[in-house]
Amino acid sequence: MKVCYTTRVCSILLATSLALAGSVPARAQEKDHAVSPGQLQKDVQKAAETRQANEAAVREMFASEKGREALKSAGIDYQKVEPAIGQLNDEDLARVADRSREVQKDFAAGRFSDRDLIIIMLVAVGLILVIVAVR
């Protein structure tokens, strides 16, 4: 009889401790996290917008008249370069986009000749194709 009572008490204590242990993780989830879901969403949105702007800058450079001429003179089809731009990782895309913005500003300011622009664009195309080929 005493063994049955002791077993029952131990079972009740075990069930109670398991129930309490299960509630601890639930309460831990209620606490504020280091980064709120709203902030995470804003950061993801900002990264997506930055990537879109970078892709647009690179595509704009290669889609321009001078860009098409540079590609044509090198025997490179824009249809091969355009999808490669989307395959670049964010860091490489940002680097190429920054360079393309600089080139467009310098060309507009008259600091580059057509020949200089063609050389720079060919280097950018080569960089893009190499990066994509390595993947």
N, C-alpha and C. Protein backbone atom coordinates (compact mmCIF):
# COMPACT_ATOMS: atom_id res chain seq x y z
N MET A 1 0.80 -1.18 0.00
CA MET A 1 0.00 0.00 0.00
C MET A 1 0.86 1.27 0.00
N LYS A 2 1.89 1.26 0.85
CA LYS A 2 2.76 2.41 0.93
C LYS A 2 3.52 2.63 -0.39
N VAL A 3 3.87 1.55 -1.07
CA VAL A 3 4.58 1.64 -2.33
C VAL A 3 3.67 2.28 -3.37
N CYS A 4 2.43 1.94 -3.38
CA CYS A 4 1.47 2.50 -4.32
C CYS A 4 1.31 4.00 -4.08
N TYR A 5 1.26 4.40 -2.81
CA TYR A 5 1.12 5.82 -2.47
C TYR A 5 2.38 6.58 -2.89
N THR A 6 3.56 6.03 -2.66
CA THR A 6 4.82 6.66 -3.03
C THR A 6 4.93 6.78 -4.54
N THR A 7 4.51 5.75 -5.24
CA THR A 7 4.55 5.78 -6.71
C THR A 7 3.62 6.86 -7.24
N ARG A 8 2.45 6.98 -6.64
CA ARG A 8 1.49 8.00 -7.06
C ARG A 8 2.04 9.40 -6.82
N VAL A 9 2.66 9.64 -5.69
CA VAL A 9 3.22 10.95 -5.36
C VAL A 9 4.36 11.28 -6.34
N CYS A 10 5.22 10.29 -6.60
CA CYS A 10 6.33 10.51 -7.54
C CYS A 10 5.80 10.80 -8.94
N SER A 11 4.75 10.12 -9.34
CA SER A 11 4.14 10.35 -10.66
C SER A 11 3.58 11.76 -10.75
N ILE A 12 2.93 12.20 -9.70
CA ILE A 12 2.36 13.55 -9.69
C ILE A 12 3.47 14.60 -9.72
N LEU A 13 4.52 14.38 -8.94
CA LEU A 13 5.65 15.33 -8.95
C LEU A 13 6.34 15.36 -10.33
N LEU A 14 6.50 14.21 -10.94
CA LEU A 14 7.12 14.15 -12.26
C LEU A 14 6.26 14.87 -13.31
N ALA A 15 4.95 14.63 -13.28
CA ALA A 15 4.04 15.28 -14.23
C ALA A 15 4.04 16.79 -14.02
N THR A 16 4.07 17.25 -12.78
CA THR A 16 4.09 18.67 -12.47
C THR A 16 5.40 19.31 -12.97
N SER A 17 6.51 18.64 -12.72
CA SER A 17 7.79 19.21 -13.16
C SER A 17 7.90 19.25 -14.68
N LEU A 18 7.35 18.26 -15.37
CA LEU A 18 7.35 18.28 -16.83
C LEU A 18 6.46 19.40 -17.37
N ALA A 19 5.33 19.62 -16.73
CA ALA A 19 4.44 20.70 -17.17
C ALA A 19 5.10 22.06 -16.96
N LEU A 20 5.78 22.23 -15.85
CA LEU A 20 6.47 23.50 -15.58
C LEU A 20 7.65 23.68 -16.55
N ALA A 21 8.36 22.61 -16.83
CA ALA A 21 9.49 22.70 -17.75
C ALA A 21 9.01 23.06 -19.16
N GLY A 22 7.84 22.61 -19.54
CA GLY A 22 7.29 22.93 -20.85
C GLY A 22 6.84 24.37 -20.96
N SER A 23 6.49 24.97 -19.85
CA SER A 23 6.03 26.35 -19.90
C SER A 23 7.18 27.36 -19.95
N VAL A 24 8.37 26.96 -19.54
CA VAL A 24 9.51 27.87 -19.55
C VAL A 24 9.86 28.30 -20.98
N PRO A 25 9.99 27.37 -21.97
CA PRO A 25 10.27 27.84 -23.33
C PRO A 25 9.15 28.71 -23.91
N ALA A 26 7.91 28.41 -23.52
CA ALA A 26 6.80 29.22 -24.02
C ALA A 26 6.91 30.65 -23.51
N ARG A 27 7.29 30.82 -22.24
CA ARG A 27 7.45 32.17 -21.70
C ARG A 27 8.67 32.86 -22.30
N ALA A 28 9.69 32.09 -22.64
CA ALA A 28 10.89 32.68 -23.25
C ALA A 28 10.57 33.26 -24.61
N GLN A 29 9.64 32.68 -25.33
CA GLN A 29 9.26 33.19 -26.64
C GLN A 29 8.49 34.50 -26.54
N GLU A 30 7.89 34.76 -25.41
CA GLU A 30 7.12 35.99 -25.25
C GLU A 30 8.01 37.22 -25.09
N LYS A 31 9.27 37.00 -24.71
CA LYS A 31 10.18 38.12 -24.51
C LYS A 31 10.52 38.76 -25.86
N ASP A 32 10.90 40.04 -25.79
CA ASP A 32 11.31 40.75 -27.01
C ASP A 32 12.63 40.18 -27.51
N HIS A 33 12.73 40.05 -28.80
CA HIS A 33 13.97 39.57 -29.41
C HIS A 33 14.89 40.76 -29.66
N ALA A 34 16.13 40.45 -29.97
CA ALA A 34 17.10 41.52 -30.22
C ALA A 34 16.68 42.38 -31.41
N VAL A 35 16.09 41.74 -32.43
CA VAL A 35 15.61 42.45 -33.61
C VAL A 35 14.13 42.13 -33.78
N SER A 36 13.33 43.16 -33.87
CA SER A 36 11.89 42.95 -34.00
C SER A 36 11.56 42.46 -35.41
N PRO A 37 10.45 41.75 -35.57
CA PRO A 37 10.04 41.30 -36.91
C PRO A 37 9.85 42.47 -37.88
N GLY A 38 9.36 43.58 -37.38
CA GLY A 38 9.19 44.76 -38.22
C GLY A 38 10.51 45.30 -38.75
N GLN A 39 11.52 45.32 -37.86
CA GLN A 39 12.85 45.78 -38.28
C GLN A 39 13.47 44.82 -39.27
N LEU A 40 13.27 43.52 -39.05
CA LEU A 40 13.77 42.53 -40.01
C LEU A 40 13.16 42.74 -41.38
N GLN A 41 11.87 42.98 -41.40
CA GLN A 41 11.17 43.20 -42.67
C GLN A 41 11.70 44.45 -43.37
N LYS A 42 11.93 45.52 -42.59
CA LYS A 42 12.48 46.75 -43.18
C LYS A 42 13.86 46.51 -43.77
N ASP A 43 14.69 45.75 -43.05
CA ASP A 43 16.04 45.46 -43.53
C ASP A 43 16.02 44.64 -44.81
N VAL A 44 15.14 43.66 -44.87
CA VAL A 44 15.01 42.83 -46.07
C VAL A 44 14.51 43.69 -47.24
N GLN A 45 13.55 44.55 -46.98
CA GLN A 45 13.02 45.44 -48.01
C GLN A 45 14.11 46.38 -48.53
N LYS A 46 14.90 46.92 -47.61
CA LYS A 46 15.97 47.84 -48.01
C LYS A 46 17.02 47.11 -48.86
N ALA A 47 17.36 45.89 -48.48
CA ALA A 47 18.33 45.11 -49.25
C ALA A 47 17.80 44.80 -50.64
N ALA A 48 16.53 44.48 -50.74
CA ALA A 48 15.92 44.20 -52.04
C ALA A 48 15.91 45.45 -52.92
N GLU A 49 15.58 46.59 -52.34
CA GLU A 49 15.57 47.84 -53.09
C GLU A 49 16.98 48.22 -53.56
N THR A 50 17.96 48.01 -52.71
CA THR A 50 19.35 48.31 -53.07
C THR A 50 19.79 47.42 -54.23
N ARG A 51 19.46 46.14 -54.15
CA ARG A 51 19.83 45.21 -55.23
C ARG A 51 19.17 45.62 -56.54
N GLN A 52 17.89 45.99 -56.48
CA GLN A 52 17.19 46.41 -57.69
C GLN A 52 17.84 47.65 -58.30
N ALA A 53 18.21 48.60 -57.44
CA ALA A 53 18.85 49.83 -57.93
C ALA A 53 20.21 49.51 -58.57
N ASN A 54 20.96 48.60 -57.95
CA ASN A 54 22.26 48.23 -58.50
C ASN A 54 22.12 47.52 -59.84
N GLU A 55 21.16 46.59 -59.92
CA GLU A 55 20.93 45.90 -61.19
C GLU A 55 20.51 46.90 -62.28
N ALA A 56 19.67 47.84 -61.92
CA ALA A 56 19.21 48.84 -62.88
C ALA A 56 20.38 49.69 -63.38
N ALA A 57 21.29 50.06 -62.49
CA ALA A 57 22.44 50.89 -62.88
C ALA A 57 23.34 50.14 -63.86
N VAL A 58 23.59 48.87 -63.60
CA VAL A 58 24.45 48.09 -64.49
C VAL A 58 23.76 47.85 -65.83
N ARG A 59 22.49 47.50 -65.77
CA ARG A 59 21.75 47.26 -67.01
C ARG A 59 21.65 48.54 -67.85
N GLU A 60 21.48 49.67 -67.17
CA GLU A 60 21.39 50.95 -67.88
C GLU A 60 22.68 51.26 -68.62
N MET A 61 23.81 50.95 -67.98
CA MET A 61 25.08 51.22 -68.63
C MET A 61 25.23 50.35 -69.89
N PHE A 62 24.91 49.07 -69.79
CA PHE A 62 25.08 48.19 -70.94
C PHE A 62 23.98 48.38 -71.99
N ALA A 63 22.85 48.90 -71.59
CA ALA A 63 21.75 49.12 -72.54
C ALA A 63 21.89 50.45 -73.28
N SER A 64 22.77 51.32 -72.81
CA SER A 64 22.96 52.61 -73.48
C SER A 64 23.58 52.39 -74.86
N GLU A 65 23.50 53.43 -75.67
CA GLU A 65 24.06 53.34 -77.02
C GLU A 65 25.56 53.03 -76.98
N LYS A 66 26.27 53.73 -76.11
CA LYS A 66 27.71 53.50 -75.98
C LYS A 66 27.99 52.09 -75.44
N GLY A 67 27.15 51.64 -74.53
CA GLY A 67 27.32 50.30 -73.99
C GLY A 67 27.11 49.23 -75.03
N ARG A 68 26.09 49.39 -75.84
CA ARG A 68 25.83 48.44 -76.94
C ARG A 68 26.99 48.44 -77.94
N GLU A 69 27.52 49.63 -78.23
CA GLU A 69 28.65 49.72 -79.15
C GLU A 69 29.87 49.00 -78.58
N ALA A 70 30.09 49.17 -77.28
CA ALA A 70 31.24 48.51 -76.65
C ALA A 70 31.08 47.00 -76.70
N LEU A 71 29.89 46.53 -76.40
CA LEU A 71 29.65 45.08 -76.46
C LEU A 71 29.80 44.56 -77.88
N LYS A 72 29.27 45.29 -78.82
CA LYS A 72 29.32 44.87 -80.22
C LYS A 72 30.76 44.83 -80.72
N SER A 73 31.56 45.84 -80.34
CA SER A 73 32.95 45.86 -80.79
C SER A 73 33.76 44.71 -80.21
N ALA A 74 33.34 44.19 -79.06
CA ALA A 74 34.03 43.05 -78.45
C ALA A 74 33.43 41.72 -78.90
N GLY A 75 32.36 41.80 -79.68
CA GLY A 75 31.71 40.57 -80.16
C GLY A 75 30.91 39.87 -79.07
N ILE A 76 30.41 40.63 -78.11
CA ILE A 76 29.63 40.07 -77.01
C ILE A 76 28.18 40.47 -77.20
N ASP A 77 27.30 39.49 -77.08
CA ASP A 77 25.87 39.74 -77.24
C ASP A 77 25.28 40.19 -75.91
N TYR A 78 24.53 41.27 -75.95
CA TYR A 78 23.90 41.79 -74.71
C TYR A 78 22.98 40.74 -74.09
N GLN A 79 22.41 39.89 -74.89
CA GLN A 79 21.50 38.85 -74.38
C GLN A 79 22.22 37.86 -73.47
N LYS A 80 23.54 37.76 -73.58
CA LYS A 80 24.32 36.90 -72.69
C LYS A 80 24.71 37.63 -71.41
N VAL A 81 24.91 38.93 -71.53
CA VAL A 81 25.33 39.72 -70.38
C VAL A 81 24.16 40.00 -69.44
N GLU A 82 23.02 40.30 -70.01
CA GLU A 82 21.85 40.70 -69.22
C GLU A 82 21.47 39.67 -68.15
N PRO A 83 21.34 38.38 -68.48
CA PRO A 83 21.00 37.42 -67.41
C PRO A 83 22.14 37.22 -66.41
N ALA A 84 23.38 37.42 -66.85
CA ALA A 84 24.51 37.26 -65.95
C ALA A 84 24.50 38.31 -64.85
N ILE A 85 23.95 39.47 -65.13
CA ILE A 85 23.88 40.53 -64.13
C ILE A 85 23.05 40.07 -62.93
N GLY A 86 21.95 39.39 -63.20
CA GLY A 86 21.09 38.91 -62.12
C GLY A 86 21.70 37.79 -61.30
N GLN A 87 22.74 37.15 -61.82
CA GLN A 87 23.38 36.04 -61.10
C GLN A 87 24.51 36.48 -60.18
N LEU A 88 24.88 37.74 -60.25
CA LEU A 88 25.95 38.24 -59.39
C LEU A 88 25.47 38.28 -57.95
N ASN A 89 26.38 38.02 -57.01
CA ASN A 89 25.99 38.16 -55.61
C ASN A 89 25.92 39.66 -55.27
N ASP A 90 25.35 39.98 -54.14
CA ASP A 90 25.11 41.38 -53.79
C ASP A 90 26.39 42.21 -53.75
N GLU A 91 27.47 41.64 -53.23
CA GLU A 91 28.72 42.39 -53.10
C GLU A 91 29.32 42.70 -54.47
N ASP A 92 29.38 41.70 -55.35
CA ASP A 92 29.93 41.92 -56.68
C ASP A 92 29.05 42.88 -57.48
N LEU A 93 27.74 42.71 -57.35
CA LEU A 93 26.81 43.59 -58.06
C LEU A 93 26.98 45.04 -57.60
N ALA A 94 27.14 45.24 -56.31
CA ALA A 94 27.33 46.60 -55.79
C ALA A 94 28.62 47.22 -56.33
N ARG A 95 29.67 46.42 -56.41
CA ARG A 95 30.95 46.91 -56.93
C ARG A 95 30.82 47.31 -58.40
N VAL A 96 30.19 46.45 -59.22
CA VAL A 96 30.03 46.76 -60.64
C VAL A 96 29.10 47.96 -60.82
N ALA A 97 28.04 48.03 -60.01
CA ALA A 97 27.10 49.15 -60.11
C ALA A 97 27.77 50.47 -59.75
N ASP A 98 28.58 50.47 -58.71
CA ASP A 98 29.31 51.70 -58.35
C ASP A 98 30.22 52.14 -59.48
N ARG A 99 30.90 51.18 -60.06
CA ARG A 99 31.81 51.51 -61.16
C ARG A 99 31.03 52.03 -62.37
N SER A 100 29.89 51.42 -62.65
CA SER A 100 29.10 51.87 -63.81
C SER A 100 28.55 53.28 -63.59
N ARG A 101 28.18 53.59 -62.36
CA ARG A 101 27.71 54.95 -62.06
C ARG A 101 28.84 55.97 -62.25
N GLU A 102 30.04 55.61 -61.78
CA GLU A 102 31.19 56.50 -61.94
C GLU A 102 31.49 56.72 -63.42
N VAL A 103 31.45 55.64 -64.20
CA VAL A 103 31.75 55.75 -65.63
C VAL A 103 30.73 56.65 -66.31
N GLN A 104 29.46 56.47 -65.98
CA GLN A 104 28.43 57.29 -66.61
C GLN A 104 28.59 58.77 -66.24
N LYS A 105 28.92 59.04 -64.98
CA LYS A 105 29.14 60.44 -64.57
C LYS A 105 30.35 61.04 -65.27
N ASP A 106 31.44 60.27 -65.30
CA ASP A 106 32.66 60.78 -65.93
C ASP A 106 32.46 60.98 -67.43
N PHE A 107 31.76 60.08 -68.07
CA PHE A 107 31.52 60.23 -69.50
C PHE A 107 30.64 61.44 -69.77
N ALA A 108 29.61 61.63 -68.94
CA ALA A 108 28.72 62.77 -69.11
C ALA A 108 29.47 64.09 -68.88
N ALA A 109 30.46 64.06 -68.00
CA ALA A 109 31.24 65.27 -67.71
C ALA A 109 32.34 65.49 -68.75
N GLY A 110 32.51 64.56 -69.67
CA GLY A 110 33.52 64.73 -70.72
C GLY A 110 34.90 64.28 -70.32
N ARG A 111 35.01 63.53 -69.24
CA ARG A 111 36.33 63.08 -68.79
C ARG A 111 36.82 61.84 -69.55
N PHE A 112 35.91 61.16 -70.24
CA PHE A 112 36.28 59.96 -70.98
C PHE A 112 35.96 60.13 -72.45
N SER A 113 36.78 59.53 -73.25
CA SER A 113 36.48 59.47 -74.68
C SER A 113 35.66 58.18 -74.93
N ASP A 114 35.18 58.04 -76.13
CA ASP A 114 34.44 56.83 -76.47
C ASP A 114 35.32 55.59 -76.29
N ARG A 115 36.57 55.70 -76.67
CA ARG A 115 37.49 54.57 -76.55
C ARG A 115 37.67 54.16 -75.08
N ASP A 116 37.81 55.13 -74.19
CA ASP A 116 37.96 54.84 -72.77
C ASP A 116 36.71 54.15 -72.23
N LEU A 117 35.58 54.63 -72.65
CA LEU A 117 34.32 54.04 -72.19
C LEU A 117 34.21 52.59 -72.65
N ILE A 118 34.58 52.35 -73.88
CA ILE A 118 34.51 50.98 -74.41
C ILE A 118 35.43 50.06 -73.62
N ILE A 119 36.61 50.50 -73.32
CA ILE A 119 37.56 49.67 -72.56
C ILE A 119 37.01 49.37 -71.17
N ILE A 120 36.49 50.37 -70.51
CA ILE A 120 35.94 50.18 -69.17
C ILE A 120 34.75 49.23 -69.20
N MET A 121 33.90 49.37 -70.17
CA MET A 121 32.73 48.51 -70.26
C MET A 121 33.13 47.07 -70.57
N LEU A 122 34.14 46.89 -71.38
CA LEU A 122 34.61 45.54 -71.68
C LEU A 122 35.20 44.87 -70.44
N VAL A 123 35.90 45.65 -69.64
CA VAL A 123 36.42 45.11 -68.39
C VAL A 123 35.26 44.71 -67.48
N ALA A 124 34.23 45.53 -67.40
CA ALA A 124 33.07 45.20 -66.57
C ALA A 124 32.38 43.94 -67.07
N VAL A 125 32.21 43.81 -68.37
CA VAL A 125 31.58 42.61 -68.93
C VAL A 125 32.43 41.39 -68.62
N GLY A 126 33.73 41.53 -68.79
CA GLY A 126 34.63 40.42 -68.47
C GLY A 126 34.52 40.01 -67.02
N LEU A 127 34.45 40.99 -66.14
CA LEU A 127 34.30 40.71 -64.71
C LEU A 127 33.01 39.96 -64.45
N ILE A 128 31.92 40.43 -65.03
CA ILE A 128 30.63 39.78 -64.82
C ILE A 128 30.67 38.34 -65.31
N LEU A 129 31.19 38.13 -66.51
CA LEU A 129 31.21 36.78 -67.08
C LEU A 129 32.12 35.85 -66.30
N VAL A 130 33.24 36.35 -65.82
CA VAL A 130 34.14 35.53 -65.01
C VAL A 130 33.48 35.14 -63.69
N ILE A 131 32.84 36.08 -63.03
CA ILE A 131 32.18 35.80 -61.76
C ILE A 131 31.09 34.76 -61.94
N VAL A 132 30.31 34.89 -62.98
CA VAL A 132 29.22 33.95 -63.23
C VAL A 132 29.80 32.58 -63.61
N ALA A 133 30.87 32.55 -64.39
CA ALA A 133 31.46 31.27 -64.81
C ALA A 133 32.07 30.52 -63.64
N VAL A 134 32.61 31.24 -62.67
CA VAL A 134 33.23 30.60 -61.51
C VAL A 134 32.20 29.90 -60.64
N ARG A 135 31.00 30.42 -60.62
CA ARG A 135 29.96 29.79 -59.81
C ARG A 135 29.64 28.48 -60.35
